[in-house]
Amino acid sequence: MTAREELHHLVDHIPENDVRTTRKLLRALVDPVELAILLAGEDDEPESEGERDAAEAALAGSGADVPFERLRRTRR
């Protein structure tokens, strides 16, 4: 059995309640952004009034929609 085959075998036998944690760990091995997210500390800074207003506006969808193709053209 190759190392990759063994990994597949092990993954197939992970208890259901550990699958989400295992997925996070495996993603962190493959993707440095996932690793950074996994290792990031909890944001314990209080939310400012400006941040709260910006989040509310974004969730309310009060801004104008921008088509994806237009975004792609402006980013090139």
Protein backbone atom coordinates (compact mmCIF):
# COMPACT_ATOMS: atom_id res chain seq x y z
CA MET A 1 0.00 0.00 0.00
CA THR A 2 1.41 3.38 -0.99
CA ALA A 3 1.43 6.32 1.41
CA ARG A 4 -1.37 7.98 -0.57
CA GLU A 5 -3.47 4.82 -0.49
CA GLU A 6 -2.92 4.56 3.25
CA LEU A 7 -4.07 8.17 3.67
CA HIS A 8 -7.24 7.41 1.70
CA HIS A 9 -7.83 4.38 3.91
CA LEU A 10 -7.32 6.42 7.08
CA VAL A 11 -9.65 9.18 5.87
CA ASP A 12 -12.33 6.62 5.12
CA HIS A 13 -12.17 5.47 8.75
CA ILE A 14 -12.27 8.86 10.50
CA PRO A 15 -15.17 9.01 12.95
CA GLU A 16 -17.99 11.21 11.67
CA ASN A 17 -17.65 13.68 14.54
CA ASP A 18 -13.98 14.31 13.60
CA VAL A 19 -14.47 14.83 9.86
CA ARG A 20 -14.79 18.64 9.99
CA THR A 21 -11.64 19.03 12.09
CA THR A 22 -9.70 16.64 9.88
CA ARG A 23 -10.81 18.51 6.78
CA LYS A 24 -9.53 21.78 8.26
CA LEU A 25 -6.18 20.20 9.08
CA LEU A 26 -5.77 18.66 5.63
CA ARG A 27 -6.72 21.92 3.92
CA ALA A 28 -4.12 23.73 6.02
CA LEU A 29 -1.45 21.36 4.69
CA VAL A 30 -2.39 22.18 1.11
CA ASP A 31 -3.31 25.87 1.27
CA PRO A 32 -1.28 28.49 3.16
CA VAL A 33 -4.35 30.73 3.44
CA GLU A 34 -6.29 27.95 5.15
CA LEU A 35 -3.35 27.47 7.51
CA ALA A 36 -3.32 31.18 8.35
CA ILE A 37 -7.06 31.10 9.04
CA LEU A 38 -6.69 28.02 11.20
CA LEU A 39 -3.89 29.60 13.23
CA ALA A 40 -5.40 33.08 13.50
CA GLY A 41 -6.35 34.21 16.94
CA GLU A 42 -9.88 35.14 17.82
CA ASP A 43 -10.78 38.73 17.03
CA ASP A 44 -11.32 40.15 20.48
CA GLU A 45 -11.26 43.79 19.45
CA PRO A 46 -14.59 45.56 19.92
CA GLU A 47 -16.41 46.44 16.72
CA SER A 48 -16.34 50.17 15.95
CA GLU A 49 -19.48 52.07 15.01
CA GLY A 50 -18.12 52.54 11.47
CA GLU A 51 -17.49 48.81 11.08
CA ARG A 52 -20.96 48.04 12.37
CA ASP A 53 -22.54 50.53 9.94
CA ALA A 54 -20.51 49.12 7.03
CA ALA A 55 -21.53 45.55 7.89
CA GLU A 56 -25.20 46.53 8.16
CA ALA A 57 -25.07 48.33 4.79
CA ALA A 58 -23.38 45.35 3.14
CA LEU A 59 -25.89 42.88 4.58
CA ALA A 60 -28.81 45.12 3.61
CA GLY A 61 -27.58 45.17 0.02
CA SER A 62 -28.08 48.91 -0.19
CA GLY A 63 -25.20 49.37 -2.63
CA ALA A 64 -25.53 49.14 -6.39
CA ASP A 65 -24.95 45.71 -7.91
CA VAL A 66 -21.91 45.48 -10.15
CA PRO A 67 -21.93 42.77 -12.83
CA PHE A 68 -19.02 40.34 -12.58
CA GLU A 69 -17.85 41.05 -16.14
CA ARG A 70 -17.55 44.75 -15.34
CA LEU A 71 -15.47 43.95 -12.28
CA ARG A 72 -13.15 41.77 -14.35
CA ARG A 73 -12.65 44.54 -16.90
CA THR A 74 -11.74 47.12 -14.27
CA ARG A 75 -9.27 44.81 -12.48
CA ARG A 76 -7.09 44.13 -15.55
